[in-house]
């Protein structure tokens, strides 16, 4: 049975200020995550024992791209505690 991803978290991005032939002009850099308790984006902490995926979501009115980080428990084979 598939383990669902839950509680998506919006990721704040900003344009990359560095100029390089290897970085596309429309590339973004991650600043942090949206949090109701903080006026500024907070750092993202990746916890052991979870799988993460990053997916995009487009605002239907502005078509602006937003990013969501989702996590789920890892399916760990042969846990040391067993």
PDB file of N, CA and C in Angstrom:
ATOM      1  N   UNK A   1       0.841  -1.174   0.000  1.00  0.00           N
ATOM      2  CA  UNK A   1       0.000   0.000   0.000  1.00  0.00           C
ATOM      3  C   UNK A   1       0.893   1.246   0.000  1.00  0.00           C
ATOM      4  N   UNK A   2       0.578   2.197  -0.838  1.00  0.00           N
ATOM      5  CA  UNK A   2       1.377   3.413  -0.940  1.00  0.00           C
ATOM      6  C   UNK A   2       1.228   4.263   0.314  1.00  0.00           C
ATOM      7  N   UNK A   3       2.333   4.837   0.735  1.00  0.00           N
ATOM      8  CA  UNK A   3       2.307   5.749   1.874  1.00  0.00           C
ATOM      9  C   UNK A   3       2.069   7.150   1.325  1.00  0.00           C
ATOM     10  N   UNK A   4       1.026   7.821   1.758  1.00  0.00           N
ATOM     11  CA  UNK A   4       0.733   9.145   1.205  1.00  0.00           C
ATOM     12  C   UNK A   4       1.687  10.214   1.744  1.00  0.00           C
ATOM     13  N   UNK A   5       1.915  11.216   0.918  1.00  0.00           N
ATOM     14  CA  UNK A   5       2.612  12.412   1.382  1.00  0.00           C
ATOM     15  C   UNK A   5       1.572  13.281   2.050  1.00  0.00           C
ATOM     16  N   UNK A   6       1.949  14.012   3.071  1.00  0.00           N
ATOM     17  CA  UNK A   6       0.974  14.842   3.763  1.00  0.00           C
ATOM     18  C   UNK A   6       1.515  16.196   4.134  1.00  0.00           C
ATOM     19  N   UNK A   7       0.621  17.046   4.528  1.00  0.00           N
ATOM     20  CA  UNK A   7       0.943  18.381   5.011  1.00  0.00           C
ATOM     21  C   UNK A   7       1.945  19.119   4.120  1.00  0.00           C
ATOM     22  N   UNK A   8       1.538  19.484   2.897  1.00  0.00           N
ATOM     23  CA  UNK A   8       2.475  20.224   2.049  1.00  0.00           C
ATOM     24  C   UNK A   8       2.861  21.556   2.679  1.00  0.00           C
ATOM     25  N   UNK A   9       4.069  21.968   2.420  1.00  0.00           N
ATOM     26  CA  UNK A   9       4.649  23.167   2.995  1.00  0.00           C
ATOM     27  C   UNK A   9       5.098  24.057   1.845  1.00  0.00           C
ATOM     28  N   UNK A  10       4.670  25.320   1.824  1.00  0.00           N
ATOM     29  CA  UNK A  10       5.058  26.206   0.722  1.00  0.00           C
ATOM     30  C   UNK A  10       6.500  26.664   0.904  1.00  0.00           C
ATOM     31  N   UNK A  11       7.256  26.597  -0.188  1.00  0.00           N
ATOM     32  CA  UNK A  11       8.658  26.967  -0.203  1.00  0.00           C
ATOM     33  C   UNK A  11       8.792  28.363  -0.815  1.00  0.00           C
ATOM     34  N   UNK A  12       9.555  29.244  -0.153  1.00  0.00           N
ATOM     35  CA  UNK A  12       9.802  30.591  -0.654  1.00  0.00           C
ATOM     36  C   UNK A  12      11.075  30.565  -1.498  1.00  0.00           C
ATOM     37  N   UNK A  13      10.985  31.077  -2.711  1.00  0.00           N
ATOM     38  CA  UNK A  13      12.147  31.139  -3.590  1.00  0.00           C
ATOM     39  C   UNK A  13      12.398  32.577  -4.022  1.00  0.00           C
ATOM     40  N   UNK A  14      13.588  32.826  -4.522  1.00  0.00           N
ATOM     41  CA  UNK A  14      13.954  34.132  -5.033  1.00  0.00           C
ATOM     42  C   UNK A  14      14.861  33.925  -6.241  1.00  0.00           C
ATOM     43  N   UNK A  15      14.920  34.880  -7.151  1.00  0.00           N
ATOM     44  CA  UNK A  15      15.805  34.713  -8.313  1.00  0.00           C
ATOM     45  C   UNK A  15      17.271  34.572  -7.885  1.00  0.00           C
ATOM     46  N   UNK A  16      18.021  33.831  -8.657  1.00  0.00           N
ATOM     47  CA  UNK A  16      19.451  33.665  -8.414  1.00  0.00           C
ATOM     48  C   UNK A  16      20.152  34.918  -8.932  1.00  0.00           C
ATOM     49  N   UNK A  17      20.944  35.555  -8.072  1.00  0.00           N
ATOM     50  CA  UNK A  17      21.598  36.802  -8.481  1.00  0.00           C
ATOM     51  C   UNK A  17      22.910  36.554  -9.225  1.00  0.00           C
ATOM     52  N   UNK A  18      23.499  35.392  -9.045  1.00  0.00           N
ATOM     53  CA  UNK A  18      24.751  35.073  -9.730  1.00  0.00           C
ATOM     54  C   UNK A  18      24.501  34.878 -11.219  1.00  0.00           C
ATOM     55  N   UNK A  19      25.428  35.333 -12.020  1.00  0.00           N
ATOM     56  CA  UNK A  19      25.332  35.137 -13.457  1.00  0.00           C
ATOM     57  C   UNK A  19      26.349  34.088 -13.861  1.00  0.00           C
ATOM     58  N   UNK A  20      25.881  33.088 -14.579  1.00  0.00           N
ATOM     59  CA  UNK A  20      26.739  32.001 -15.030  1.00  0.00           C
ATOM     60  C   UNK A  20      26.101  31.383 -16.265  1.00  0.00           C
ATOM     61  N   UNK A  21      26.910  30.907 -17.188  1.00  0.00           N
ATOM     62  CA  UNK A  21      26.331  30.225 -18.349  1.00  0.00           C
ATOM     63  C   UNK A  21      25.666  28.902 -17.965  1.00  0.00           C
ATOM     64  N   UNK A  22      25.925  28.419 -16.751  1.00  0.00           N
ATOM     65  CA  UNK A  22      25.359  27.151 -16.295  1.00  0.00           C
ATOM     66  C   UNK A  22      24.062  27.326 -15.508  1.00  0.00           C
ATOM     67  N   UNK A  23      23.717  28.568 -15.160  1.00  0.00           N
ATOM     68  CA  UNK A  23      22.492  28.846 -14.408  1.00  0.00           C
ATOM     69  C   UNK A  23      21.512  29.580 -15.322  1.00  0.00           C
ATOM     70  N   UNK A  24      20.348  28.989 -15.623  1.00  0.00           N
ATOM     71  CA  UNK A  24      19.365  29.665 -16.471  1.00  0.00           C
ATOM     72  C   UNK A  24      18.894  30.978 -15.849  1.00  0.00           C
ATOM     73  N   UNK A  25      18.517  31.927 -16.664  1.00  0.00           N
ATOM     74  CA  UNK A  25      18.067  33.238 -16.184  1.00  0.00           C
ATOM     75  C   UNK A  25      16.848  33.147 -15.277  1.00  0.00           C
ATOM     76  N   UNK A  26      15.984  32.162 -15.490  1.00  0.00           N
ATOM     77  CA  UNK A  26      14.761  32.046 -14.693  1.00  0.00           C
ATOM     78  C   UNK A  26      14.908  31.085 -13.509  1.00  0.00           C
ATOM     79  N   UNK A  27      16.152  30.696 -13.165  1.00  0.00           N
ATOM     80  CA  UNK A  27      16.382  29.793 -12.030  1.00  0.00           C
ATOM     81  C   UNK A  27      16.038  30.493 -10.729  1.00  0.00           C
ATOM     82  N   UNK A  28      15.657  29.704  -9.728  1.00  0.00           N
ATOM     83  CA  UNK A  28      15.312  30.222  -8.398  1.00  0.00           C
ATOM     84  C   UNK A  28      16.169  29.530  -7.353  1.00  0.00           C
ATOM     85  N   UNK A  29      16.379  30.206  -6.221  1.00  0.00           N
ATOM     86  CA  UNK A  29      17.083  29.629  -5.081  1.00  0.00           C
ATOM     87  C   UNK A  29      16.109  29.569  -3.900  1.00  0.00           C
ATOM     88  N   UNK A  30      16.189  28.508  -3.108  1.00  0.00           N
ATOM     89  CA  UNK A  30      15.297  28.338  -1.960  1.00  0.00           C
ATOM     90  C   UNK A  30      15.755  29.239  -0.820  1.00  0.00           C
ATOM     91  N   UNK A  31      14.814  30.031  -0.286  1.00  0.00           N
ATOM     92  CA  UNK A  31      15.078  30.914   0.845  1.00  0.00           C
ATOM     93  C   UNK A  31      14.657  30.247   2.142  1.00  0.00           C
ATOM     94  N   UNK A  32      13.534  29.541   2.107  1.00  0.00           N
ATOM     95  CA  UNK A  32      13.017  28.881   3.302  1.00  0.00           C
ATOM     96  C   UNK A  32      11.577  28.487   3.091  1.00  0.00           C
ATOM     97  N   UNK A  33      10.889  28.231   4.180  1.00  0.00           N
ATOM     98  CA  UNK A  33       9.501  27.791   4.139  1.00  0.00           C
ATOM     99  C   UNK A  33       8.596  28.835   4.770  1.00  0.00           C
ATOM    100  N   UNK A  34       7.362  28.888   4.284  1.00  0.00           N
ATOM    101  CA  UNK A  34       6.350  29.782   4.838  1.00  0.00           C
ATOM    102  C   UNK A  34       5.911  29.224   6.189  1.00  0.00           C
ATOM    103  N   UNK A  35       5.845  30.089   7.180  1.00  0.00           N
ATOM    104  CA  UNK A  35       5.391  29.663   8.500  1.00  0.00           C
ATOM    105  C   UNK A  35       4.514  30.760   9.095  1.00  0.00           C
ATOM    106  N   UNK A  36       3.325  30.404   9.598  1.00  0.00           N
ATOM    107  CA  UNK A  36       2.445  31.418  10.167  1.00  0.00           C
ATOM    108  C   UNK A  36       3.045  32.120  11.381  1.00  0.00           C
ATOM    109  N   UNK A  37       3.960  31.477  12.072  1.00  0.00           N
ATOM    110  CA  UNK A  37       4.518  32.055  13.293  1.00  0.00           C
ATOM    111  C   UNK A  37       5.711  32.973  13.028  1.00  0.00           C
ATOM    112  N   UNK A  38       6.128  33.086  11.774  1.00  0.00           N
ATOM    113  CA  UNK A  38       7.314  33.882  11.469  1.00  0.00           C
ATOM    114  C   UNK A  38       7.059  34.794  10.279  1.00  0.00           C
ATOM    115  N   UNK A  39       7.432  36.071  10.379  1.00  0.00           N
ATOM    116  CA  UNK A  39       7.240  36.975   9.247  1.00  0.00           C
ATOM    117  C   UNK A  39       8.225  36.695   8.111  1.00  0.00           C
ATOM    118  N   UNK A  40       9.361  36.056   8.424  1.00  0.00           N
ATOM    119  CA  UNK A  40      10.374  35.723   7.424  1.00  0.00           C
ATOM    120  C   UNK A  40      10.362  34.228   7.157  1.00  0.00           C
ATOM    121  N   UNK A  41      10.796  33.804   5.964  1.00  0.00           N
ATOM    122  CA  UNK A  41      10.896  32.365   5.698  1.00  0.00           C
ATOM    123  C   UNK A  41      11.840  31.703   6.698  1.00  0.00           C
ATOM    124  N   UNK A  42      11.487  30.513   7.130  1.00  0.00           N
ATOM    125  CA  UNK A  42      12.324  29.789   8.094  1.00  0.00           C
ATOM    126  C   UNK A  42      13.124  28.710   7.366  1.00  0.00           C
ATOM    127  N   UNK A  43      14.295  28.346   7.891  1.00  0.00           N
ATOM    128  CA  UNK A  43      15.095  27.293   7.245  1.00  0.00           C
ATOM    129  C   UNK A  43      14.324  25.979   7.200  1.00  0.00           C
ATOM    130  N   UNK A  44      14.635  25.184   6.223  1.00  0.00           N
ATOM    131  CA  UNK A  44      14.005  23.877   6.067  1.00  0.00           C
ATOM    132  C   UNK A  44      14.898  22.829   6.715  1.00  0.00           C
ATOM    133  N   UNK A  45      14.329  22.014   7.586  1.00  0.00           N
ATOM    134  CA  UNK A  45      15.060  20.941   8.255  1.00  0.00           C
ATOM    135  C   UNK A  45      14.524  19.625   7.722  1.00  0.00           C
ATOM    136  N   UNK A  46      15.421  18.806   7.168  1.00  0.00           N
ATOM    137  CA  UNK A  46      15.036  17.491   6.663  1.00  0.00           C
ATOM    138  C   UNK A  46      15.344  16.459   7.739  1.00  0.00           C
ATOM    139  N   UNK A  47      14.324  15.740   8.167  1.00  0.00           N
ATOM    140  CA  UNK A  47      14.452  14.790   9.269  1.00  0.00           C
ATOM    141  C   UNK A  47      14.787  13.395   8.758  1.00  0.00           C
ATOM    142  N   UNK A  48      15.631  12.650   9.479  1.00  0.00           N
ATOM    143  CA  UNK A  48      15.892  11.267   9.092  1.00  0.00           C
ATOM    144  C   UNK A  48      14.631  10.432   9.259  1.00  0.00           C
ATOM    145  N   UNK A  49      14.510   9.414   8.436  1.00  0.00           N
ATOM    146  CA  UNK A  49      13.349   8.533   8.517  1.00  0.00           C
ATOM    147  C   UNK A  49      12.176   8.997   7.673  1.00  0.00           C
ATOM    148  N   UNK A  50      12.364  10.051   6.886  1.00  0.00           N
ATOM    149  CA  UNK A  50      11.312  10.562   6.008  1.00  0.00           C
ATOM    150  C   UNK A  50      11.821  10.666   4.581  1.00  0.00           C
ATOM    151  N   UNK A  51      10.906  10.548   3.634  1.00  0.00           N
ATOM    152  CA  UNK A  51      11.181  10.816   2.222  1.00  0.00           C
ATOM    153  C   UNK A  51      10.541  12.151   1.893  1.00  0.00           C
ATOM    154  N   UNK A  52      11.179  12.915   1.029  1.00  0.00           N
ATOM    155  CA  UNK A  52      10.678  14.235   0.658  1.00  0.00           C
ATOM    156  C   UNK A  52      10.535  14.325  -0.853  1.00  0.00           C
ATOM    157  N   UNK A  53       9.574  15.124  -1.284  1.00  0.00           N
ATOM    158  CA  UNK A  53       9.482  15.461  -2.700  1.00  0.00           C
ATOM    159  C   UNK A  53       9.077  16.925  -2.813  1.00  0.00           C
ATOM    160  N   UNK A  54       9.569  17.533  -3.865  1.00  0.00           N
ATOM    161  CA  UNK A  54       9.284  18.927  -4.151  1.00  0.00           C
ATOM    162  C   UNK A  54       8.447  18.948  -5.420  1.00  0.00           C
ATOM    163  N   UNK A  55       7.308  19.625  -5.365  1.00  0.00           N
ATOM    164  CA  UNK A  55       6.460  19.706  -6.565  1.00  0.00           C
ATOM    165  C   UNK A  55       6.008  21.138  -6.765  1.00  0.00           C
ATOM    166  N   UNK A  56       5.707  21.450  -8.012  1.00  0.00           N
ATOM    167  CA  UNK A  56       5.277  22.814  -8.297  1.00  0.00           C
ATOM    168  C   UNK A  56       3.761  22.905  -8.353  1.00  0.00           C
ATOM    169  N   UNK A  57       3.262  24.073  -8.069  1.00  0.00           N
ATOM    170  CA  UNK A  57       1.837  24.377  -8.123  1.00  0.00           C
ATOM    171  C   UNK A  57       1.720  25.760  -8.741  1.00  0.00           C
ATOM    172  N   UNK A  58       0.859  25.917  -9.712  1.00  0.00           N
ATOM    173  CA  UNK A  58       0.685  27.213 -10.369  1.00  0.00           C
ATOM    174  C   UNK A  58      -0.606  27.866  -9.911  1.00  0.00           C
ATOM    175  N   UNK A  59      -0.508  29.151  -9.560  1.00  0.00           N
ATOM    176  CA  UNK A  59      -1.680  29.914  -9.171  1.00  0.00           C
ATOM    177  C   UNK A  59      -2.596  30.012 -10.390  1.00  0.00           C
ATOM    178  N   UNK A  60      -3.860  29.603 -10.278  1.00  0.00           N
ATOM    179  CA  UNK A  60      -4.751  29.617 -11.446  1.00  0.00           C
ATOM    180  C   UNK A  60      -5.040  31.018 -11.982  1.00  0.00           C
ATOM    181  N   UNK A  61      -4.885  32.041 -11.144  1.00  0.00           N
ATOM    182  CA  UNK A  61      -5.155  33.412 -11.602  1.00  0.00           C
ATOM    183  C   UNK A  61      -3.927  34.069 -12.228  1.00  0.00           C
ATOM    184  N   UNK A  62      -2.777  33.936 -11.575  1.00  0.00           N
ATOM    185  CA  UNK A  62      -1.571  34.623 -12.054  1.00  0.00           C
ATOM    186  C   UNK A  62      -0.635  33.698 -12.838  1.00  0.00           C
ATOM    187  N   UNK A  63      -0.832  32.386 -12.716  1.00  0.00           N
ATOM    188  CA  UNK A  63       0.019  31.358 -13.337  1.00  0.00           C
ATOM    189  C   UNK A  63       1.453  31.397 -12.795  1.00  0.00           C
ATOM    190  N   UNK A  64       1.650  32.069 -11.665  1.00  0.00           N
ATOM    191  CA  UNK A  64       2.959  32.112 -11.024  1.00  0.00           C
ATOM    192  C   UNK A  64       3.237  30.753 -10.387  1.00  0.00           C
ATOM    193  N   UNK A  65       4.482  30.282 -10.531  1.00  0.00           N
ATOM    194  CA  UNK A  65       4.858  28.980  -9.967  1.00  0.00           C
ATOM    195  C   UNK A  65       5.153  29.115  -8.474  1.00  0.00           C
ATOM    196  N   UNK A  66       4.616  28.204  -7.694  1.00  0.00           N
ATOM    197  CA  UNK A  66       4.903  28.086  -6.264  1.00  0.00           C
ATOM    198  C   UNK A  66       5.418  26.672  -6.062  1.00  0.00           C
ATOM    199  N   UNK A  67       6.206  26.472  -5.030  1.00  0.00           N
ATOM    200  CA  UNK A  67       6.761  25.150  -4.744  1.00  0.00           C
ATOM    201  C   UNK A  67       6.241  24.636  -3.417  1.00  0.00           C
ATOM    202  N   UNK A  68       5.926  23.347  -3.383  1.00  0.00           N
ATOM    203  CA  UNK A  68       5.447  22.692  -2.172  1.00  0.00           C
ATOM    204  C   UNK A  68       6.397  21.546  -1.826  1.00  0.00           C
ATOM    205  N   UNK A  69       6.768  21.446  -0.560  1.00  0.00           N
ATOM    206  CA  UNK A  69       7.585  20.347  -0.071  1.00  0.00           C
ATOM    207  C   UNK A  69       6.665  19.401   0.684  1.00  0.00           C
ATOM    208  N   UNK A  70       6.723  18.125   0.320  1.00  0.00           N
ATOM    209  CA  UNK A  70       5.880  17.122   0.983  1.00  0.00           C
ATOM    210  C   UNK A  70       6.791  16.044   1.569  1.00  0.00           C
ATOM    211  N   UNK A  71       6.359  15.466   2.692  1.00  0.00           N
ATOM    212  CA  UNK A  71       7.150  14.404   3.303  1.00  0.00           C
ATOM    213  C   UNK A  71       6.256  13.235   3.683  1.00  0.00           C
ATOM    214  N   UNK A  72       6.894  12.087   3.808  1.00  0.00           N
ATOM    215  CA  UNK A  72       6.216  10.887   4.301  1.00  0.00           C
ATOM    216  C   UNK A  72       7.249   9.995   4.971  1.00  0.00           C
ATOM    217  N   UNK A  73       6.766   9.111   5.823  1.00  0.00           N
ATOM    218  CA  UNK A  73       7.645   8.169   6.505  1.00  0.00           C
ATOM    219  C   UNK A  73       8.321   7.274   5.469  1.00  0.00           C
ATOM    220  N   UNK A  74       9.597   7.006   5.676  1.00  0.00           N
ATOM    221  CA  UNK A  74      10.340   6.111   4.781  1.00  0.00           C
ATOM    222  C   UNK A  74       9.927   4.667   5.037  1.00  0.00           C
ATOM    223  N   UNK A  75      10.005   3.886   3.993  1.00  0.00           N
ATOM    224  CA  UNK A  75       9.824   2.438   4.137  1.00  0.00           C
ATOM    225  C   UNK A  75      11.212   1.878   4.340  1.00  0.00           C
ATOM    226  N   UNK A  76      11.610   1.692   5.581  1.00  0.00           N
ATOM    227  CA  UNK A  76      12.966   1.243   5.871  1.00  0.00           C
ATOM    228  C   UNK A  76      12.982  -0.267   6.030  1.00  0.00           C
ATOM    229  N   UNK A  77      13.819  -0.909   5.226  1.00  0.00           N
ATOM    230  CA  UNK A  77      13.958  -2.355   5.271  1.00  0.00           C
ATOM    231  C   UNK A  77      14.968  -2.726   6.340  1.00  0.00           C
ATOM    232  N   UNK A  78      14.663  -3.689   7.174  1.00  0.00           N
ATOM    233  CA  UNK A  78      15.608  -4.195   8.174  1.00  0.00           C
ATOM    234  C   UNK A  78      16.027  -3.165   9.197  1.00  0.00           C
ATOM    235  N   UNK A  79      15.056  -2.523   9.855  1.00  0.00           N
ATOM    236  CA  UNK A  79      15.372  -1.538  10.892  1.00  0.00           C
ATOM    237  C   UNK A  79      16.226  -2.192  11.991  1.00  0.00           C
ATOM    238  N   UNK A  80      17.138  -1.411  12.550  1.00  0.00           N
ATOM    239  CA  UNK A  80      18.032  -1.931  13.602  1.00  0.00           C
ATOM    240  C   UNK A  80      17.262  -2.323  14.861  1.00  0.00           C
ATOM    241  N   UNK A  81      16.102  -1.726  15.110  1.00  0.00           N
ATOM    242  CA  UNK A  81      15.323  -2.013  16.311  1.00  0.00           C
ATOM    243  C   UNK A  81      14.504  -3.283  16.244  1.00  0.00           C
ATOM    244  N   UNK A  82      14.547  -3.970  15.100  1.00  0.00           N
ATOM    245  CA  UNK A  82      13.740  -5.194  14.979  1.00  0.00           C
ATOM    246  C   UNK A  82      14.534  -6.416  15.324  1.00  0.00           C
TER     247      UNK A  82
END
